[in-house]
């Protein structure tokens, strides 16, 4: 499958996700439109694999998230890859006090703070993003975000974000695993 075919297939899959509704919802009284829900699970594991911290929380769309969906569904932009950013307001866990970015393997970006292991899947009509990184220094996960990077025009508008009420402590060499599940109602 060519990259263009894959991008087209992903766009149609996103459209299908947004249009498919449970039969129960169809039978209900009129609704106010499509809602996007983002559920995060972050697990911090020690080098021996034991669980140090597990935290679940919700997030909200960036103001650009609605526009991003509209642009992708109308082919105004062509989807390239997803990115999860940790501590985009001032990173602590990656080298040189930079963000930690988990991206799909197709991402052209590289460096000590870019982790190319993000996977995406559709599970029960939800979009699931998963990836991980090993912390380079001691710090905290305090802010998280997802971005959709596009080919035309080039760029990565923000999709969803949140600032944690209580930061997640992480020590150097611990693995931070992230799962983001987007559901639609």
N, C-alpha and C. Protein backbone atom coordinates (compact mmCIF):
# COMPACT_ATOMS: atom_id res chain seq x y z
N UNK A 1 0.85 -1.17 0.00
CA UNK A 1 0.00 0.00 0.00
C UNK A 1 0.90 1.23 0.00
N UNK A 2 0.61 2.18 -0.87
CA UNK A 2 1.41 3.41 -0.93
C UNK A 2 1.03 4.31 0.23
N UNK A 3 1.88 5.29 0.50
CA UNK A 3 1.62 6.23 1.59
C UNK A 3 0.34 7.02 1.31
N UNK A 4 0.10 7.42 0.06
CA UNK A 4 -1.10 8.16 -0.29
C UNK A 4 -2.34 7.31 -0.06
N UNK A 5 -2.28 6.02 -0.42
CA UNK A 5 -3.41 5.12 -0.17
C UNK A 5 -3.66 4.98 1.32
N UNK A 6 -2.58 4.87 2.10
CA UNK A 6 -2.72 4.74 3.55
C UNK A 6 -3.34 5.98 4.16
N UNK A 7 -2.92 7.16 3.68
CA UNK A 7 -3.48 8.43 4.18
C UNK A 7 -4.96 8.51 3.84
N UNK A 8 -5.32 8.13 2.61
CA UNK A 8 -6.72 8.15 2.19
C UNK A 8 -7.54 7.18 3.03
N UNK A 9 -7.02 5.98 3.26
CA UNK A 9 -7.70 4.99 4.08
C UNK A 9 -7.91 5.51 5.50
N UNK A 10 -6.90 6.15 6.07
CA UNK A 10 -7.02 6.70 7.42
C UNK A 10 -8.11 7.77 7.46
N UNK A 11 -8.15 8.64 6.44
CA UNK A 11 -9.16 9.69 6.42
C UNK A 11 -10.55 9.07 6.41
N UNK A 12 -10.76 8.03 5.59
CA UNK A 12 -12.07 7.39 5.53
C UNK A 12 -12.38 6.67 6.83
N UNK A 13 -11.36 6.09 7.48
CA UNK A 13 -11.59 5.44 8.78
C UNK A 13 -12.01 6.47 9.82
N UNK A 14 -11.38 7.65 9.80
CA UNK A 14 -11.77 8.71 10.75
C UNK A 14 -13.21 9.13 10.50
N UNK A 15 -13.58 9.28 9.22
CA UNK A 15 -14.94 9.66 8.89
C UNK A 15 -15.91 8.60 9.38
N UNK A 16 -15.57 7.33 9.18
CA UNK A 16 -16.43 6.24 9.64
C UNK A 16 -16.59 6.27 11.16
N UNK A 17 -15.48 6.55 11.87
CA UNK A 17 -15.55 6.63 13.32
C UNK A 17 -16.51 7.73 13.77
N UNK A 18 -16.48 8.85 13.07
CA UNK A 18 -17.32 9.98 13.47
C UNK A 18 -18.78 9.77 13.11
N UNK A 19 -19.06 8.96 12.09
CA UNK A 19 -20.43 8.79 11.63
C UNK A 19 -21.14 7.59 12.23
N UNK A 20 -20.37 6.62 12.71
CA UNK A 20 -20.98 5.42 13.26
C UNK A 20 -21.45 5.73 14.68
N UNK A 21 -22.71 5.46 14.95
CA UNK A 21 -23.27 5.69 16.28
C UNK A 21 -23.97 4.42 16.73
N UNK A 22 -23.92 4.15 18.02
CA UNK A 22 -24.65 2.97 18.52
C UNK A 22 -26.15 3.09 18.22
N UNK A 23 -26.78 1.98 17.99
CA UNK A 23 -28.21 1.98 17.66
C UNK A 23 -29.01 2.68 18.75
N UNK A 24 -28.61 2.54 19.99
CA UNK A 24 -29.29 3.18 21.11
C UNK A 24 -29.30 4.69 20.94
N UNK A 25 -28.18 5.26 20.52
CA UNK A 25 -28.07 6.71 20.38
C UNK A 25 -28.96 7.22 19.24
N UNK A 26 -29.10 6.42 18.20
CA UNK A 26 -29.93 6.83 17.06
C UNK A 26 -31.39 6.93 17.49
N UNK A 27 -31.83 6.05 18.38
CA UNK A 27 -33.22 6.03 18.81
C UNK A 27 -33.54 7.13 19.82
N UNK A 28 -32.54 7.81 20.35
CA UNK A 28 -32.78 8.84 21.36
C UNK A 28 -33.29 10.13 20.72
N UNK A 29 -33.67 11.04 21.58
CA UNK A 29 -34.13 12.36 21.16
C UNK A 29 -32.96 13.08 20.47
N UNK A 30 -33.21 14.10 19.66
CA UNK A 30 -32.13 14.80 18.95
C UNK A 30 -30.98 15.21 19.88
N UNK A 31 -29.78 15.10 19.33
CA UNK A 31 -28.59 15.44 20.10
C UNK A 31 -28.02 16.77 19.64
N UNK A 32 -27.00 17.24 20.31
CA UNK A 32 -26.38 18.52 20.01
C UNK A 32 -25.18 18.39 19.09
N UNK A 33 -24.89 17.23 18.55
CA UNK A 33 -23.77 17.06 17.64
C UNK A 33 -22.80 16.01 18.13
N UNK A 34 -21.67 15.95 17.45
CA UNK A 34 -20.64 14.97 17.76
C UNK A 34 -19.76 15.51 18.87
N UNK A 35 -19.48 14.67 19.86
CA UNK A 35 -18.57 15.03 20.94
C UNK A 35 -17.38 14.08 20.90
N UNK A 36 -16.20 14.63 21.15
CA UNK A 36 -14.97 13.84 21.19
C UNK A 36 -14.52 13.77 22.64
N UNK A 37 -14.26 12.55 23.11
CA UNK A 37 -13.80 12.35 24.49
C UNK A 37 -12.40 11.75 24.44
N UNK A 38 -11.49 12.32 25.24
CA UNK A 38 -10.13 11.79 25.29
C UNK A 38 -9.83 11.24 26.68
N UNK A 39 -9.52 9.96 26.75
CA UNK A 39 -9.20 9.31 28.02
C UNK A 39 -7.73 8.87 27.98
N UNK A 40 -6.97 9.27 28.98
CA UNK A 40 -5.53 8.97 29.05
C UNK A 40 -5.26 7.96 30.16
N UNK A 41 -4.30 7.09 29.89
CA UNK A 41 -3.75 6.18 30.89
C UNK A 41 -2.23 6.31 30.79
N UNK A 42 -1.61 6.71 31.89
CA UNK A 42 -0.15 6.78 31.93
C UNK A 42 0.33 5.82 33.02
N UNK A 43 1.24 4.92 32.62
CA UNK A 43 1.86 4.00 33.56
C UNK A 43 3.36 4.26 33.56
N UNK A 44 3.92 4.36 34.76
CA UNK A 44 5.37 4.53 34.93
C UNK A 44 5.89 3.22 35.52
N UNK A 45 6.86 2.63 34.82
CA UNK A 45 7.41 1.34 35.26
C UNK A 45 8.90 1.47 35.56
N UNK A 46 9.32 0.73 36.58
CA UNK A 46 10.73 0.67 36.94
C UNK A 46 11.48 -0.17 35.91
N UNK A 47 12.79 -0.11 35.96
CA UNK A 47 13.63 -0.85 35.00
C UNK A 47 13.34 -2.35 35.05
N UNK A 48 12.92 -2.88 36.20
CA UNK A 48 12.63 -4.32 36.31
C UNK A 48 11.20 -4.67 35.85
N UNK A 49 10.45 -3.66 35.38
CA UNK A 49 9.10 -3.88 34.86
C UNK A 49 7.99 -3.71 35.87
N UNK A 50 8.32 -3.52 37.14
CA UNK A 50 7.27 -3.34 38.15
C UNK A 50 6.62 -1.96 37.99
N UNK A 51 5.34 -1.91 38.31
CA UNK A 51 4.56 -0.68 38.17
C UNK A 51 4.86 0.26 39.33
N UNK A 52 5.27 1.49 39.01
CA UNK A 52 5.53 2.51 40.04
C UNK A 52 4.32 3.42 40.21
N UNK A 53 3.71 3.84 39.09
CA UNK A 53 2.57 4.75 39.13
C UNK A 53 1.63 4.42 37.98
N UNK A 54 0.33 4.51 38.27
CA UNK A 54 -0.69 4.36 37.22
C UNK A 54 -1.69 5.49 37.42
N UNK A 55 -1.94 6.27 36.37
CA UNK A 55 -2.85 7.41 36.48
C UNK A 55 -3.75 7.46 35.25
N UNK A 56 -5.05 7.68 35.49
CA UNK A 56 -6.02 7.86 34.41
C UNK A 56 -6.66 9.23 34.56
N UNK A 57 -6.91 9.89 33.43
CA UNK A 57 -7.53 11.22 33.45
C UNK A 57 -8.11 11.53 32.08
N UNK A 58 -8.90 12.58 32.02
CA UNK A 58 -9.54 13.01 30.77
C UNK A 58 -8.83 14.26 30.25
N UNK A 59 -9.07 14.57 28.99
CA UNK A 59 -8.53 15.80 28.42
C UNK A 59 -9.58 16.50 27.59
N UNK A 60 -9.21 17.64 27.01
CA UNK A 60 -10.14 18.42 26.21
C UNK A 60 -9.51 18.73 24.85
N UNK A 61 -10.37 19.03 23.87
CA UNK A 61 -9.86 19.43 22.57
C UNK A 61 -9.14 20.77 22.68
N UNK A 62 -8.02 20.91 21.95
CA UNK A 62 -7.43 22.22 21.74
C UNK A 62 -8.47 23.03 20.97
N UNK A 63 -8.41 24.37 21.03
CA UNK A 63 -9.31 25.15 20.18
C UNK A 63 -9.15 24.78 18.69
N UNK A 64 -7.96 24.36 18.29
CA UNK A 64 -7.73 23.98 16.90
C UNK A 64 -8.21 22.56 16.59
N UNK A 65 -8.59 21.79 17.60
CA UNK A 65 -9.02 20.41 17.38
C UNK A 65 -10.24 20.29 16.50
N UNK A 66 -11.23 21.17 16.70
CA UNK A 66 -12.44 21.13 15.88
C UNK A 66 -12.11 21.46 14.42
N UNK A 67 -11.29 22.47 14.24
CA UNK A 67 -10.89 22.87 12.88
C UNK A 67 -10.10 21.75 12.22
N UNK A 68 -9.23 21.10 12.98
CA UNK A 68 -8.45 19.99 12.44
C UNK A 68 -9.37 18.89 11.92
N UNK A 69 -10.38 18.51 12.70
CA UNK A 69 -11.33 17.48 12.25
C UNK A 69 -12.04 17.90 10.98
N UNK A 70 -12.53 19.12 10.94
CA UNK A 70 -13.23 19.61 9.75
C UNK A 70 -12.32 19.61 8.53
N UNK A 71 -11.08 20.07 8.70
CA UNK A 71 -10.14 20.11 7.58
C UNK A 71 -9.78 18.73 7.08
N UNK A 72 -9.62 17.77 7.97
CA UNK A 72 -9.29 16.41 7.55
C UNK A 72 -10.47 15.74 6.83
N UNK A 73 -11.67 15.94 7.36
CA UNK A 73 -12.85 15.30 6.77
C UNK A 73 -13.24 15.90 5.43
N UNK A 74 -12.83 17.13 5.16
CA UNK A 74 -13.13 17.76 3.88
C UNK A 74 -11.93 17.77 2.95
N UNK A 75 -10.85 17.09 3.34
CA UNK A 75 -9.62 16.98 2.54
C UNK A 75 -8.94 18.33 2.33
N UNK A 76 -9.19 19.28 3.19
CA UNK A 76 -8.47 20.55 3.13
C UNK A 76 -7.02 20.34 3.57
N UNK A 77 -6.82 19.32 4.42
CA UNK A 77 -5.49 18.92 4.85
C UNK A 77 -5.40 17.41 4.69
N UNK A 78 -4.18 16.93 4.51
CA UNK A 78 -3.94 15.50 4.36
C UNK A 78 -3.20 15.02 5.60
N UNK A 79 -3.78 14.05 6.28
CA UNK A 79 -3.21 13.52 7.51
C UNK A 79 -1.88 12.83 7.24
N UNK A 80 -0.89 13.06 8.12
CA UNK A 80 0.41 12.39 7.99
C UNK A 80 0.64 11.45 9.18
N UNK A 81 0.74 11.99 10.40
CA UNK A 81 0.99 11.13 11.55
C UNK A 81 0.53 11.81 12.85
N UNK A 82 0.31 10.99 13.87
CA UNK A 82 -0.04 11.46 15.21
C UNK A 82 1.22 11.71 16.03
N UNK A 83 1.09 12.58 17.02
CA UNK A 83 2.17 12.83 17.97
C UNK A 83 1.55 13.04 19.36
N UNK A 84 2.16 12.42 20.36
CA UNK A 84 1.81 12.66 21.76
C UNK A 84 2.98 13.42 22.37
N UNK A 85 2.68 14.55 22.98
CA UNK A 85 3.74 15.33 23.64
C UNK A 85 3.53 15.30 25.15
N UNK A 86 4.65 15.15 25.84
CA UNK A 86 4.65 15.19 27.30
C UNK A 86 5.44 16.42 27.72
N UNK A 87 4.85 17.22 28.59
CA UNK A 87 5.47 18.44 29.13
C UNK A 87 5.84 19.44 28.05
N UNK A 88 4.86 19.77 27.19
CA UNK A 88 5.13 20.72 26.12
C UNK A 88 5.29 22.15 26.63
N UNK A 89 4.93 22.40 27.88
CA UNK A 89 5.10 23.73 28.45
C UNK A 89 6.46 23.92 29.08
N UNK A 90 7.35 22.98 28.99
CA UNK A 90 8.68 23.02 29.60
C UNK A 90 9.02 21.63 30.06
N UNK A 91 9.68 20.88 29.19
CA UNK A 91 9.94 19.48 29.47
C UNK A 91 10.98 19.28 30.55
N UNK A 92 10.82 18.22 31.29
CA UNK A 92 11.79 17.88 32.33
C UNK A 92 12.36 16.49 32.14
N UNK A 93 11.67 15.63 31.44
CA UNK A 93 12.02 14.21 31.41
C UNK A 93 12.95 13.82 30.27
N UNK A 94 13.10 14.66 29.28
CA UNK A 94 13.93 14.34 28.12
C UNK A 94 15.19 15.21 28.12
N UNK A 95 16.20 14.83 27.34
CA UNK A 95 17.47 15.56 27.32
C UNK A 95 17.29 17.05 27.01
N UNK A 96 18.14 17.85 27.57
CA UNK A 96 18.18 19.29 27.32
C UNK A 96 16.90 20.02 27.67
N UNK A 97 16.16 19.50 28.67
CA UNK A 97 14.92 20.13 29.12
C UNK A 97 13.95 20.38 27.97
N UNK A 98 13.79 19.40 27.11
CA UNK A 98 12.90 19.53 25.96
C UNK A 98 11.68 18.64 26.15
N UNK A 99 10.70 18.81 25.28
CA UNK A 99 9.51 17.96 25.31
C UNK A 99 9.91 16.52 25.02
N UNK A 100 9.10 15.60 25.48
CA UNK A 100 9.22 14.20 25.07
C UNK A 100 8.09 14.00 24.06
N UNK A 101 8.44 13.58 22.86
CA UNK A 101 7.45 13.41 21.80
C UNK A 101 7.43 11.95 21.36
N UNK A 102 6.25 11.35 21.46
CA UNK A 102 6.05 9.98 20.97
C UNK A 102 5.34 10.12 19.63
N UNK A 103 5.98 9.62 18.57
CA UNK A 103 5.44 9.78 17.22
C UNK A 103 5.38 8.44 16.51
N UNK A 104 4.62 8.41 15.44
CA UNK A 104 4.56 7.22 14.61
C UNK A 104 5.90 7.03 13.90
N UNK A 105 6.24 5.79 13.55
CA UNK A 105 7.51 5.53 12.87
C UNK A 105 7.70 6.30 11.57
N UNK A 106 6.61 6.72 10.91
CA UNK A 106 6.72 7.46 9.64
C UNK A 106 7.13 8.92 9.83
N UNK A 107 7.18 9.39 11.07
CA UNK A 107 7.52 10.79 11.33
C UNK A 107 8.92 11.10 10.82
N UNK A 108 9.09 12.25 10.16
CA UNK A 108 10.42 12.64 9.70
C UNK A 108 11.30 13.19 10.81
N UNK A 109 10.72 13.43 11.95
CA UNK A 109 11.47 14.03 13.06
C UNK A 109 12.31 12.98 13.77
N UNK A 110 13.45 13.44 14.30
CA UNK A 110 14.31 12.52 15.03
C UNK A 110 15.15 13.30 16.03
N UNK A 111 15.71 12.60 16.98
CA UNK A 111 16.53 13.20 18.01
C UNK A 111 16.34 12.47 19.32
N UNK A 112 17.07 12.90 20.34
CA UNK A 112 17.02 12.18 21.62
C UNK A 112 15.68 12.29 22.35
N UNK A 113 14.83 13.23 21.97
CA UNK A 113 13.53 13.37 22.64
C UNK A 113 12.37 12.93 21.75
N UNK A 114 12.66 12.32 20.59
CA UNK A 114 11.62 11.82 19.69
C UNK A 114 11.62 10.29 19.73
N UNK A 115 10.51 9.72 20.14
CA UNK A 115 10.38 8.28 20.32
C UNK A 115 9.39 7.76 19.26
N UNK A 116 9.89 7.01 18.29
CA UNK A 116 9.11 6.59 17.12
C UNK A 116 8.46 5.23 17.33
N UNK A 117 7.62 5.12 18.36
CA UNK A 117 6.96 3.84 18.63
C UNK A 117 5.45 3.97 18.81
N UNK A 118 4.88 5.10 18.43
CA UNK A 118 3.45 5.31 18.58
C UNK A 118 2.69 4.41 17.61
N UNK A 119 1.71 3.70 18.14
CA UNK A 119 0.83 2.88 17.31
C UNK A 119 -0.59 3.43 17.43
N UNK A 120 -1.38 3.16 16.42
CA UNK A 120 -2.79 3.56 16.46
C UNK A 120 -3.64 2.38 16.03
N UNK A 121 -4.82 2.29 16.62
CA UNK A 121 -5.73 1.22 16.27
C UNK A 121 -7.16 1.67 16.53
N UNK A 122 -8.10 0.96 15.95
CA UNK A 122 -9.51 1.21 16.19
C UNK A 122 -10.04 0.02 16.98
N UNK A 123 -10.57 0.30 18.17
CA UNK A 123 -11.09 -0.73 19.05
C UNK A 123 -12.50 -0.32 19.48
N UNK A 124 -13.50 -1.12 19.09
CA UNK A 124 -14.90 -0.83 19.45
C UNK A 124 -15.28 0.61 19.13
N UNK A 125 -14.99 1.05 17.93
CA UNK A 125 -15.31 2.40 17.43
C UNK A 125 -14.58 3.51 18.17
N UNK A 126 -13.48 3.20 18.84
CA UNK A 126 -12.64 4.23 19.46
C UNK A 126 -11.28 4.23 18.77
N UNK A 127 -10.62 5.37 18.79
CA UNK A 127 -9.27 5.49 18.26
C UNK A 127 -8.31 5.40 19.45
N UNK A 128 -7.37 4.46 19.39
CA UNK A 128 -6.43 4.25 20.49
C UNK A 128 -5.01 4.54 20.01
N UNK A 129 -4.34 5.47 20.71
CA UNK A 129 -2.93 5.78 20.45
C UNK A 129 -2.12 5.24 21.62
N UNK A 130 -1.01 4.56 21.33
CA UNK A 130 -0.16 4.02 22.38
C UNK A 130 1.30 4.22 22.03
N UNK A 131 2.10 4.49 23.06
CA UNK A 131 3.54 4.62 22.88
C UNK A 131 4.22 4.78 24.22
N UNK A 132 5.55 4.85 24.19
CA UNK A 132 6.29 4.95 25.45
C UNK A 132 7.65 5.60 25.22
N UNK A 133 8.28 5.97 26.32
CA UNK A 133 9.65 6.48 26.29
C UNK A 133 10.31 6.20 27.63
N UNK A 134 11.63 6.22 27.64
CA UNK A 134 12.38 6.05 28.88
C UNK A 134 12.87 7.43 29.29
N UNK A 135 12.56 7.82 30.52
CA UNK A 135 12.95 9.15 31.02
C UNK A 135 14.47 9.26 31.10
N UNK A 136 15.00 10.39 30.65
CA UNK A 136 16.44 10.63 30.68
C UNK A 136 16.87 11.23 32.02
N UNK A 137 15.96 11.97 32.65
CA UNK A 137 16.26 12.63 33.93
C UNK A 137 15.05 12.52 34.85
N UNK A 138 15.24 12.77 36.13
CA UNK A 138 14.13 12.81 37.08
C UNK A 138 13.24 14.01 36.78
N UNK A 139 11.94 13.85 36.97
CA UNK A 139 11.03 14.97 36.75
C UNK A 139 9.60 14.54 36.96
N UNK A 140 8.68 15.25 36.34
CA UNK A 140 7.25 14.99 36.47
C UNK A 140 6.57 15.09 35.12
N UNK A 141 5.51 14.31 34.94
CA UNK A 141 4.60 14.52 33.82
C UNK A 141 3.57 15.51 34.34
N UNK A 142 3.52 16.69 33.74
CA UNK A 142 2.59 17.71 34.22
C UNK A 142 1.62 18.19 33.15
N UNK A 143 2.02 18.15 31.89
CA UNK A 143 1.14 18.53 30.79
C UNK A 143 1.25 17.50 29.68
N UNK A 144 0.14 17.24 29.00
CA UNK A 144 0.12 16.28 27.91
C UNK A 144 -0.71 16.84 26.77
N UNK A 145 -0.41 16.39 25.55
CA UNK A 145 -1.17 16.86 24.39
C UNK A 145 -1.03 15.85 23.26
N UNK A 146 -2.00 15.88 22.35
CA UNK A 146 -1.89 15.14 21.10
C UNK A 146 -1.92 16.14 19.96
N UNK A 147 -1.22 15.79 18.89
CA UNK A 147 -1.17 16.63 17.69
C UNK A 147 -1.40 15.76 16.47
N UNK A 148 -2.02 16.35 15.46
CA UNK A 148 -2.16 15.70 14.16
C UNK A 148 -1.24 16.45 13.21
N UNK A 149 -0.28 15.78 12.67
CA UNK A 149 0.63 16.40 11.70
C UNK A 149 0.10 16.13 10.31
N UNK A 150 0.09 17.18 9.49
CA UNK A 150 -0.51 17.08 8.17
C UNK A 150 0.51 17.39 7.09
N UNK A 151 0.22 16.92 5.88
CA UNK A 151 1.10 17.14 4.74
C UNK A 151 0.80 18.45 4.01
N UNK A 152 -0.48 18.80 3.89
CA UNK A 152 -0.87 19.97 3.11
C UNK A 152 -1.80 20.84 3.93
N UNK A 153 -1.50 22.05 4.31
CA UNK A 153 -0.12 22.51 4.37
C UNK A 153 0.60 21.81 5.51
N UNK A 154 1.90 21.88 5.48
CA UNK A 154 2.72 21.20 6.48
C UNK A 154 2.44 21.78 7.87
N UNK A 155 2.37 20.94 8.86
CA UNK A 155 2.18 21.45 10.20
C UNK A 155 1.53 20.45 11.11
N UNK A 156 1.47 20.79 12.38
CA UNK A 156 0.92 19.90 13.37
C UNK A 156 0.00 20.63 14.33
N UNK A 157 -1.26 20.88 13.91
CA UNK A 157 -2.17 21.57 14.82
C UNK A 157 -2.48 20.72 16.04
N UNK A 158 -2.61 21.38 17.18
CA UNK A 158 -2.96 20.67 18.40
C UNK A 158 -4.34 20.06 18.29
N UNK A 159 -4.49 18.89 18.89
CA UNK A 159 -5.79 18.21 18.86
C UNK A 159 -6.41 18.18 20.25
N UNK A 160 -5.66 17.70 21.25
CA UNK A 160 -6.20 17.64 22.61
C UNK A 160 -5.09 17.92 23.61
N UNK A 161 -5.49 18.36 24.80
CA UNK A 161 -4.50 18.72 25.82
C UNK A 161 -5.11 18.71 27.21
N UNK A 162 -4.25 18.62 28.22
CA UNK A 162 -4.64 18.86 29.61
C UNK A 162 -3.40 19.10 30.46
N UNK A 163 -3.60 19.82 31.54
CA UNK A 163 -2.58 19.99 32.57
C UNK A 163 -3.04 19.19 33.77
N UNK A 164 -2.20 18.31 34.26
CA UNK A 164 -2.58 17.44 35.36
C UNK A 164 -2.68 18.23 36.66
N UNK A 165 -3.73 17.98 37.42
CA UNK A 165 -3.90 18.65 38.71
C UNK A 165 -2.79 18.23 39.67
N UNK A 166 -2.37 17.00 39.57
CA UNK A 166 -1.29 16.46 40.39
C UNK A 166 -0.27 15.80 39.46
N UNK A 167 0.92 16.40 39.28
CA UNK A 167 1.91 15.83 38.36
C UNK A 167 2.30 14.40 38.74
N UNK A 168 2.72 13.63 37.74
CA UNK A 168 3.13 12.25 37.94
C UNK A 168 4.65 12.22 38.08
N UNK A 169 5.18 11.77 39.23
CA UNK A 169 6.63 11.73 39.41
C UNK A 169 7.27 10.61 38.58
N UNK A 170 8.41 10.92 37.97
CA UNK A 170 9.14 9.95 37.15
C UNK A 170 10.63 10.08 37.45
N UNK A 171 11.31 8.96 37.57
CA UNK A 171 12.75 8.96 37.78
C UNK A 171 13.46 8.54 36.50
N UNK A 172 14.68 9.02 36.34
CA UNK A 172 15.48 8.63 35.18
C UNK A 172 15.52 7.10 35.09
N UNK A 173 15.47 6.59 33.90
CA UNK A 173 15.47 5.17 33.53
C UNK A 173 14.10 4.49 33.68
N UNK A 174 13.11 5.18 34.23
CA UNK A 174 11.78 4.59 34.27
C UNK A 174 11.12 4.74 32.90
N UNK A 175 10.27 3.78 32.56
CA UNK A 175 9.55 3.81 31.30
C UNK A 175 8.17 4.43 31.52
N UNK A 176 7.84 5.41 30.70
CA UNK A 176 6.53 6.05 30.74
C UNK A 176 5.73 5.54 29.55
N UNK A 177 4.66 4.79 29.83
CA UNK A 177 3.78 4.25 28.79
C UNK A 177 2.51 5.07 28.76
N UNK A 178 2.10 5.46 27.56
CA UNK A 178 0.94 6.34 27.39
C UNK A 178 -0.07 5.67 26.47
N UNK A 179 -1.33 5.67 26.89
CA UNK A 179 -2.44 5.23 26.05
C UNK A 179 -3.48 6.33 26.03
N UNK A 180 -3.83 6.78 24.85
CA UNK A 180 -4.88 7.80 24.69
C UNK A 180 -6.00 7.16 23.89
N UNK A 181 -7.22 7.19 24.45
CA UNK A 181 -8.38 6.60 23.77
C UNK A 181 -9.37 7.70 23.46
N UNK A 182 -9.63 7.92 22.17
CA UNK A 182 -10.61 8.89 21.75
C UNK A 182 -11.91 8.16 21.42
N UNK A 183 -12.99 8.59 22.05
CA UNK A 183 -14.30 8.02 21.74
C UNK A 183 -15.20 9.16 21.27
N UNK A 184 -16.26 8.79 20.59
CA UNK A 184 -17.14 9.78 19.96
C UNK A 184 -18.58 9.49 20.35
N UNK A 185 -19.29 10.55 20.65
CA UNK A 185 -20.71 10.37 20.98
C UNK A 185 -21.51 11.51 20.41
